[in-house]
Amino acid sequence: SQQMHNHPKSTLSGVSYFKVEKNSGGELNLYFQNKKKEFIPETNDMIIFNSNVFHSVNSYYGKSDRIAIAWDAMYTF
């Protein structure tokens, strides 16, 4: 699990999911102006969002490993 946070030094953030056990927690929560959007990942999903968006991850309780890569991107001129 991961508590609510954001990435103010980046432009875009995302998570790529390579192996996900269904019905095992680990949902990604995105918070938009007092509204929470829950994303339930599946294998081969990718979600990209503005790095300023606060987000959290629910506890994962699967019996096998979940493989996911979280990343940040920024650009400069």
PDB file of N, CA and C in Angstrom:
ATOM      1  N   SER A   1       0.844  -1.184   0.000  1.00  0.00           N
ATOM      2  CA  SER A   1       0.000   0.000   0.000  1.00  0.00           C
ATOM      3  C   SER A   1       0.883   1.239   0.000  1.00  0.00           C
ATOM      4  N   GLN A   2       0.309   2.346  -0.364  1.00  0.00           N
ATOM      5  CA  GLN A   2       1.019   3.625  -0.382  1.00  0.00           C
ATOM      6  C   GLN A   2       0.029   4.710   0.011  1.00  0.00           C
ATOM      7  N   GLN A   3       0.435   5.542   0.963  1.00  0.00           N
ATOM      8  CA  GLN A   3      -0.437   6.632   1.395  1.00  0.00           C
ATOM      9  C   GLN A   3      -0.552   7.700   0.312  1.00  0.00           C
ATOM     10  N   MET A   4      -1.538   8.587   0.465  1.00  0.00           N
ATOM     11  CA  MET A   4      -1.811   9.632  -0.502  1.00  0.00           C
ATOM     12  C   MET A   4      -0.606  10.566  -0.646  1.00  0.00           C
ATOM     13  N   HIS A   5      -0.239  10.835  -1.904  1.00  0.00           N
ATOM     14  CA  HIS A   5       0.886  11.714  -2.206  1.00  0.00           C
ATOM     15  C   HIS A   5       0.779  12.172  -3.661  1.00  0.00           C
ATOM     16  N   ASN A   6       1.652  13.085  -4.060  1.00  0.00           N
ATOM     17  CA  ASN A   6       1.768  13.469  -5.457  1.00  0.00           C
ATOM     18  C   ASN A   6       3.245  13.623  -5.800  1.00  0.00           C
ATOM     19  N   HIS A   7       3.540  14.034  -7.031  1.00  0.00           N
ATOM     20  CA  HIS A   7       4.918  14.151  -7.510  1.00  0.00           C
ATOM     21  C   HIS A   7       5.091  15.537  -8.129  1.00  0.00           C
ATOM     22  N   PRO A   8       5.225  16.586  -7.318  1.00  0.00           N
ATOM     23  CA  PRO A   8       5.223  17.960  -7.834  1.00  0.00           C
ATOM     24  C   PRO A   8       6.417  18.318  -8.717  1.00  0.00           C
ATOM     25  N   LYS A   9       7.478  17.544  -8.713  1.00  0.00           N
ATOM     26  CA  LYS A   9       8.653  17.859  -9.541  1.00  0.00           C
ATOM     27  C   LYS A   9       8.601  17.201 -10.917  1.00  0.00           C
ATOM     28  N   SER A  10       7.521  16.491 -11.219  1.00  0.00           N
ATOM     29  CA  SER A  10       7.360  15.820 -12.513  1.00  0.00           C
ATOM     30  C   SER A  10       6.170  16.405 -13.256  1.00  0.00           C
ATOM     31  N   THR A  11       6.019  16.007 -14.504  1.00  0.00           N
ATOM     32  CA  THR A  11       4.903  16.456 -15.343  1.00  0.00           C
ATOM     33  C   THR A  11       3.827  15.385 -15.440  1.00  0.00           C
ATOM     34  N   LEU A  12       4.238  14.175 -15.778  1.00  0.00           N
ATOM     35  CA  LEU A  12       3.315  13.042 -15.881  1.00  0.00           C
ATOM     36  C   LEU A  12       3.799  11.920 -14.978  1.00  0.00           C
ATOM     37  N   SER A  13       2.860  11.184 -14.424  1.00  0.00           N
ATOM     38  CA  SER A  13       3.158   9.988 -13.640  1.00  0.00           C
ATOM     39  C   SER A  13       2.323   8.844 -14.196  1.00  0.00           C
ATOM     40  N   GLY A  14       2.772   7.643 -13.953  1.00  0.00           N
ATOM     41  CA  GLY A  14       2.018   6.505 -14.452  1.00  0.00           C
ATOM     42  C   GLY A  14       2.433   5.213 -13.788  1.00  0.00           C
ATOM     43  N   VAL A  15       1.649   4.193 -14.079  1.00  0.00           N
ATOM     44  CA  VAL A  15       1.948   2.839 -13.609  1.00  0.00           C
ATOM     45  C   VAL A  15       1.652   1.886 -14.758  1.00  0.00           C
ATOM     46  N   SER A  16       2.601   1.004 -15.024  1.00  0.00           N
ATOM     47  CA  SER A  16       2.427  -0.062 -16.006  1.00  0.00           C
ATOM     48  C   SER A  16       2.323  -1.371 -15.236  1.00  0.00           C
ATOM     49  N   TYR A  17       1.279  -2.125 -15.506  1.00  0.00           N
ATOM     50  CA  TYR A  17       1.007  -3.376 -14.788  1.00  0.00           C
ATOM     51  C   TYR A  17       1.308  -4.560 -15.705  1.00  0.00           C
ATOM     52  N   PHE A  18       2.264  -5.405 -15.299  1.00  0.00           N
ATOM     53  CA  PHE A  18       2.677  -6.538 -16.117  1.00  0.00           C
ATOM     54  C   PHE A  18       2.126  -7.867 -15.625  1.00  0.00           C
ATOM     55  N   LYS A  19       1.840  -7.971 -14.328  1.00  0.00           N
ATOM     56  CA  LYS A  19       1.246  -9.184 -13.776  1.00  0.00           C
ATOM     57  C   LYS A  19       0.362  -8.776 -12.604  1.00  0.00           C
ATOM     58  N   VAL A  20      -0.919  -9.088 -12.704  1.00  0.00           N
ATOM     59  CA  VAL A  20      -1.888  -8.704 -11.672  1.00  0.00           C
ATOM     60  C   VAL A  20      -2.776  -9.897 -11.364  1.00  0.00           C
ATOM     61  N   GLU A  21      -2.883 -10.219 -10.094  1.00  0.00           N
ATOM     62  CA  GLU A  21      -3.807 -11.255  -9.646  1.00  0.00           C
ATOM     63  C   GLU A  21      -5.164 -10.591  -9.406  1.00  0.00           C
ATOM     64  N   LYS A  22      -6.202 -11.086 -10.066  1.00  0.00           N
ATOM     65  CA  LYS A  22      -7.533 -10.476  -9.942  1.00  0.00           C
ATOM     66  C   LYS A  22      -8.084 -10.596  -8.531  1.00  0.00           C
ATOM     67  N   ASN A  23      -8.899  -9.622  -8.157  1.00  0.00           N
ATOM     68  CA  ASN A  23      -9.579  -9.600  -6.860  1.00  0.00           C
ATOM     69  C   ASN A  23      -8.598  -9.739  -5.695  1.00  0.00           C
ATOM     70  N   SER A  24      -7.486  -8.997  -5.763  1.00  0.00           N
ATOM     71  CA  SER A  24      -6.466  -9.130  -4.725  1.00  0.00           C
ATOM     72  C   SER A  24      -6.018  -7.786  -4.158  1.00  0.00           C
ATOM     73  N   GLY A  25      -6.826  -6.750  -4.327  1.00  0.00           N
ATOM     74  CA  GLY A  25      -6.471  -5.438  -3.795  1.00  0.00           C
ATOM     75  C   GLY A  25      -5.480  -4.721  -4.695  1.00  0.00           C
ATOM     76  N   GLY A  26      -4.792  -3.730  -4.127  1.00  0.00           N
ATOM     77  CA  GLY A  26      -3.812  -2.960  -4.881  1.00  0.00           C
ATOM     78  C   GLY A  26      -4.412  -1.939  -5.826  1.00  0.00           C
ATOM     79  N   GLU A  27      -5.649  -1.518  -5.574  1.00  0.00           N
ATOM     80  CA  GLU A  27      -6.291  -0.531  -6.439  1.00  0.00           C
ATOM     81  C   GLU A  27      -5.564   0.818  -6.331  1.00  0.00           C
ATOM     82  N   LEU A  28      -5.518   1.541  -7.436  1.00  0.00           N
ATOM     83  CA  LEU A  28      -4.936   2.878  -7.474  1.00  0.00           C
ATOM     84  C   LEU A  28      -6.066   3.886  -7.316  1.00  0.00           C
ATOM     85  N   ASN A  29      -5.940   4.784  -6.356  1.00  0.00           N
ATOM     86  CA  ASN A  29      -6.950   5.818  -6.107  1.00  0.00           C
ATOM     87  C   ASN A  29      -6.410   7.161  -6.551  1.00  0.00           C
ATOM     88  N   LEU A  30      -7.179   7.867  -7.381  1.00  0.00           N
ATOM     89  CA  LEU A  30      -6.829   9.212  -7.836  1.00  0.00           C
ATOM     90  C   LEU A  30      -7.838  10.179  -7.240  1.00  0.00           C
ATOM     91  N   TYR A  31      -7.358  11.310  -6.750  1.00  0.00           N
ATOM     92  CA  TYR A  31      -8.215  12.274  -6.051  1.00  0.00           C
ATOM     93  C   TYR A  31      -8.305  13.562  -6.860  1.00  0.00           C
ATOM     94  N   PHE A  32      -9.517  13.897  -7.305  1.00  0.00           N
ATOM     95  CA  PHE A  32      -9.782  15.093  -8.093  1.00  0.00           C
ATOM     96  C   PHE A  32     -10.791  15.964  -7.360  1.00  0.00           C
ATOM     97  N   GLN A  33     -10.388  17.110  -6.839  1.00  0.00           N
ATOM     98  CA  GLN A  33     -11.284  18.073  -6.200  1.00  0.00           C
ATOM     99  C   GLN A  33     -12.370  17.385  -5.356  1.00  0.00           C
ATOM    100  N   ASN A  34     -11.963  16.706  -4.330  1.00  0.00           N
ATOM    101  CA  ASN A  34     -12.856  16.021  -3.386  1.00  0.00           C
ATOM    102  C   ASN A  34     -13.589  14.817  -3.978  1.00  0.00           C
ATOM    103  N   LYS A  35     -13.181  14.352  -5.152  1.00  0.00           N
ATOM    104  CA  LYS A  35     -13.746  13.138  -5.731  1.00  0.00           C
ATOM    105  C   LYS A  35     -12.638  12.109  -5.865  1.00  0.00           C
ATOM    106  N   LYS A  36     -12.925  10.885  -5.473  1.00  0.00           N
ATOM    107  CA  LYS A  36     -11.963   9.797  -5.581  1.00  0.00           C
ATOM    108  C   LYS A  36     -12.368   8.885  -6.730  1.00  0.00           C
ATOM    109  N   LYS A  37     -11.417   8.593  -7.614  1.00  0.00           N
ATOM    110  CA  LYS A  37     -11.629   7.652  -8.706  1.00  0.00           C
ATOM    111  C   LYS A  37     -10.753   6.445  -8.442  1.00  0.00           C
ATOM    112  N   GLU A  38     -11.337   5.259  -8.329  1.00  0.00           N
ATOM    113  CA  GLU A  38     -10.597   4.042  -8.062  1.00  0.00           C
ATOM    114  C   GLU A  38     -10.347   3.298  -9.369  1.00  0.00           C
ATOM    115  N   PHE A  39      -9.097   2.959  -9.610  1.00  0.00           N
ATOM    116  CA  PHE A  39      -8.702   2.211 -10.802  1.00  0.00           C
ATOM    117  C   PHE A  39      -8.301   0.805 -10.369  1.00  0.00           C
ATOM    118  N   ILE A  40      -8.982  -0.201 -10.906  1.00  0.00           N
ATOM    119  CA  ILE A  40      -8.691  -1.604 -10.594  1.00  0.00           C
ATOM    120  C   ILE A  40      -7.845  -2.153 -11.748  1.00  0.00           C
ATOM    121  N   PRO A  41      -6.538  -2.342 -11.502  1.00  0.00           N
ATOM    122  CA  PRO A  41      -5.656  -2.734 -12.600  1.00  0.00           C
ATOM    123  C   PRO A  41      -5.838  -4.183 -13.026  1.00  0.00           C
ATOM    124  N   GLU A  42      -5.536  -4.415 -14.303  1.00  0.00           N
ATOM    125  CA  GLU A  42      -5.476  -5.758 -14.866  1.00  0.00           C
ATOM    126  C   GLU A  42      -4.143  -5.896 -15.583  1.00  0.00           C
ATOM    127  N   THR A  43      -3.739  -7.118 -15.841  1.00  0.00           N
ATOM    128  CA  THR A  43      -2.486  -7.362 -16.545  1.00  0.00           C
ATOM    129  C   THR A  43      -2.457  -6.591 -17.863  1.00  0.00           C
ATOM    130  N   ASN A  44      -1.323  -5.944 -18.134  1.00  0.00           N
ATOM    131  CA  ASN A  44      -1.045  -5.157 -19.342  1.00  0.00           C
ATOM    132  C   ASN A  44      -1.733  -3.798 -19.374  1.00  0.00           C
ATOM    133  N   ASP A  45      -2.323  -3.353 -18.278  1.00  0.00           N
ATOM    134  CA  ASP A  45      -2.879  -1.997 -18.199  1.00  0.00           C
ATOM    135  C   ASP A  45      -1.759  -0.993 -17.962  1.00  0.00           C
ATOM    136  N   MET A  46      -2.007   0.234 -18.411  1.00  0.00           N
ATOM    137  CA  MET A  46      -1.138   1.357 -18.082  1.00  0.00           C
ATOM    138  C   MET A  46      -2.045   2.550 -17.810  1.00  0.00           C
ATOM    139  N   ILE A  47      -1.765   3.255 -16.726  1.00  0.00           N
ATOM    140  CA  ILE A  47      -2.515   4.463 -16.429  1.00  0.00           C
ATOM    141  C   ILE A  47      -1.514   5.611 -16.331  1.00  0.00           C
ATOM    142  N   ILE A  48      -1.877   6.738 -16.950  1.00  0.00           N
ATOM    143  CA  ILE A  48      -1.035   7.931 -16.966  1.00  0.00           C
ATOM    144  C   ILE A  48      -1.877   9.083 -16.434  1.00  0.00           C
ATOM    145  N   PHE A  49      -1.290   9.904 -15.554  1.00  0.00           N
ATOM    146  CA  PHE A  49      -2.024  11.025 -14.975  1.00  0.00           C
ATOM    147  C   PHE A  49      -1.072  12.171 -14.679  1.00  0.00           C
ATOM    148  N   ASN A  50      -1.617  13.356 -14.509  1.00  0.00           N
ATOM    149  CA  ASN A  50      -0.844  14.536 -14.159  1.00  0.00           C
ATOM    150  C   ASN A  50      -0.171  14.302 -12.819  1.00  0.00           C
ATOM    151  N   SER A  51       1.112  14.606 -12.729  1.00  0.00           N
ATOM    152  CA  SER A  51       1.873  14.336 -11.508  1.00  0.00           C
ATOM    153  C   SER A  51       1.395  15.115 -10.290  1.00  0.00           C
ATOM    154  N   ASN A  52       0.680  16.213 -10.496  1.00  0.00           N
ATOM    155  CA  ASN A  52       0.150  16.994  -9.371  1.00  0.00           C
ATOM    156  C   ASN A  52      -1.071  16.353  -8.724  1.00  0.00           C
ATOM    157  N   VAL A  53      -1.669  15.359  -9.381  1.00  0.00           N
ATOM    158  CA  VAL A  53      -2.851  14.688  -8.842  1.00  0.00           C
ATOM    159  C   VAL A  53      -2.434  13.823  -7.649  1.00  0.00           C
ATOM    160  N   PHE A  54      -3.104  14.009  -6.533  1.00  0.00           N
ATOM    161  CA  PHE A  54      -2.841  13.171  -5.368  1.00  0.00           C
ATOM    162  C   PHE A  54      -3.383  11.768  -5.649  1.00  0.00           C
ATOM    163  N   HIS A  55      -2.647  10.760  -5.184  1.00  0.00           N
ATOM    164  CA  HIS A  55      -3.030   9.370  -5.424  1.00  0.00           C
ATOM    165  C   HIS A  55      -2.528   8.494  -4.285  1.00  0.00           C
ATOM    166  N   SER A  56      -3.124   7.322  -4.165  1.00  0.00           N
ATOM    167  CA  SER A  56      -2.737   6.339  -3.159  1.00  0.00           C
ATOM    168  C   SER A  56      -2.977   4.953  -3.738  1.00  0.00           C
ATOM    169  N   VAL A  57      -2.447   3.938  -3.050  1.00  0.00           N
ATOM    170  CA  VAL A  57      -2.639   2.553  -3.478  1.00  0.00           C
ATOM    171  C   VAL A  57      -3.141   1.750  -2.286  1.00  0.00           C
ATOM    172  N   ASN A  58      -4.223   1.000  -2.482  1.00  0.00           N
ATOM    173  CA  ASN A  58      -4.753   0.125  -1.434  1.00  0.00           C
ATOM    174  C   ASN A  58      -3.810  -1.056  -1.212  1.00  0.00           C
ATOM    175  N   SER A  59      -3.927  -1.692  -0.080  1.00  0.00           N
ATOM    176  CA  SER A  59      -3.105  -2.863   0.236  1.00  0.00           C
ATOM    177  C   SER A  59      -3.336  -3.973  -0.780  1.00  0.00           C
ATOM    178  N   TYR A  60      -2.261  -4.660  -1.117  1.00  0.00           N
ATOM    179  CA  TYR A  60      -2.303  -5.818  -2.007  1.00  0.00           C
ATOM    180  C   TYR A  60      -2.224  -7.072  -1.149  1.00  0.00           C
ATOM    181  N   TYR A  61      -3.112  -8.007  -1.368  1.00  0.00           N
ATOM    182  CA  TYR A  61      -3.142  -9.221  -0.546  1.00  0.00           C
ATOM    183  C   TYR A  61      -3.182 -10.493  -1.398  1.00  0.00           C
ATOM    184  N   GLY A  62      -2.662 -10.414  -2.606  1.00  0.00           N
ATOM    185  CA  GLY A  62      -2.642 -11.576  -3.490  1.00  0.00           C
ATOM    186  C   GLY A  62      -1.667 -12.637  -3.010  1.00  0.00           C
ATOM    187  N   LYS A  63      -1.833 -13.843  -3.531  1.00  0.00           N
ATOM    188  CA  LYS A  63      -0.960 -14.957  -3.147  1.00  0.00           C
ATOM    189  C   LYS A  63       0.286 -15.027  -4.019  1.00  0.00           C
ATOM    190  N   SER A  64       0.278 -14.349  -5.161  1.00  0.00           N
ATOM    191  CA  SER A  64       1.465 -14.319  -6.024  1.00  0.00           C
ATOM    192  C   SER A  64       1.935 -12.870  -6.161  1.00  0.00           C
ATOM    193  N   ASP A  65       3.153 -12.711  -6.653  1.00  0.00           N
ATOM    194  CA  ASP A  65       3.703 -11.367  -6.826  1.00  0.00           C
ATOM    195  C   ASP A  65       2.915 -10.592  -7.864  1.00  0.00           C
ATOM    196  N   ARG A  66       2.745  -9.308  -7.619  1.00  0.00           N
ATOM    197  CA  ARG A  66       2.201  -8.397  -8.618  1.00  0.00           C
ATOM    198  C   ARG A  66       3.393  -7.656  -9.191  1.00  0.00           C
ATOM    199  N   ILE A  67       3.466  -7.568 -10.506  1.00  0.00           N
ATOM    200  CA  ILE A  67       4.576  -6.862 -11.141  1.00  0.00           C
ATOM    201  C   ILE A  67       4.031  -5.590 -11.780  1.00  0.00           C
ATOM    202  N   ALA A  68       4.489  -4.467 -11.250  1.00  0.00           N
ATOM    203  CA  ALA A  68       4.065  -3.159 -11.742  1.00  0.00           C
ATOM    204  C   ALA A  68       5.253  -2.209 -11.658  1.00  0.00           C
ATOM    205  N   ILE A  69       5.340  -1.304 -12.612  1.00  0.00           N
ATOM    206  CA  ILE A  69       6.393  -0.292 -12.600  1.00  0.00           C
ATOM    207  C   ILE A  69       5.729   1.076 -12.565  1.00  0.00           C
ATOM    208  N   ALA A  70       6.011   1.821 -11.504  1.00  0.00           N
ATOM    209  CA  ALA A  70       5.534   3.199 -11.392  1.00  0.00           C
ATOM    210  C   ALA A  70       6.632   4.105 -11.929  1.00  0.00           C
ATOM    211  N   TRP A  71       6.251   5.168 -12.636  1.00  0.00           N
ATOM    212  CA  TRP A  71       7.250   6.036 -13.246  1.00  0.00           C
ATOM    213  C   TRP A  71       6.774   7.491 -13.266  1.00  0.00           C
ATOM    214  N   ASP A  72       7.730   8.382 -13.439  1.00  0.00           N
ATOM    215  CA  ASP A  72       7.472   9.817 -13.585  1.00  0.00           C
ATOM    216  C   ASP A  72       8.202  10.308 -14.820  1.00  0.00           C
ATOM    217  N   ALA A  73       7.644  11.306 -15.468  1.00  0.00           N
ATOM    218  CA  ALA A  73       8.281  11.920 -16.634  1.00  0.00           C
ATOM    219  C   ALA A  73       8.208  13.432 -16.501  1.00  0.00           C
ATOM    220  N   MET A  74       9.225  14.097 -17.003  1.00  0.00           N
ATOM    221  CA  MET A  74       9.212  15.546 -17.047  1.00  0.00           C
ATOM    222  C   MET A  74       9.847  15.990 -18.344  1.00  0.00           C
ATOM    223  N   TYR A  75       9.525  17.203 -18.747  1.00  0.00           N
ATOM    224  CA  TYR A  75      10.144  17.736 -19.936  1.00  0.00           C
ATOM    225  C   TYR A  75      10.623  19.149 -19.647  1.00  0.00           C
ATOM    226  N   THR A  76      11.632  19.556 -20.387  1.00  0.00           N
ATOM    227  CA  THR A  76      12.160  20.910 -20.258  1.00  0.00           C
ATOM    228  C   THR A  76      12.321  21.488 -21.652  1.00  0.00           C
ATOM    229  N   PHE A  77      12.286  22.800 -21.721  1.00  0.00           N
ATOM    230  CA  PHE A  77      12.479  23.485 -23.009  1.00  0.00           C
ATOM    231  C   PHE A  77      13.842  24.105 -23.047  1.00  0.00           C
TER     232      PHE A  77
END
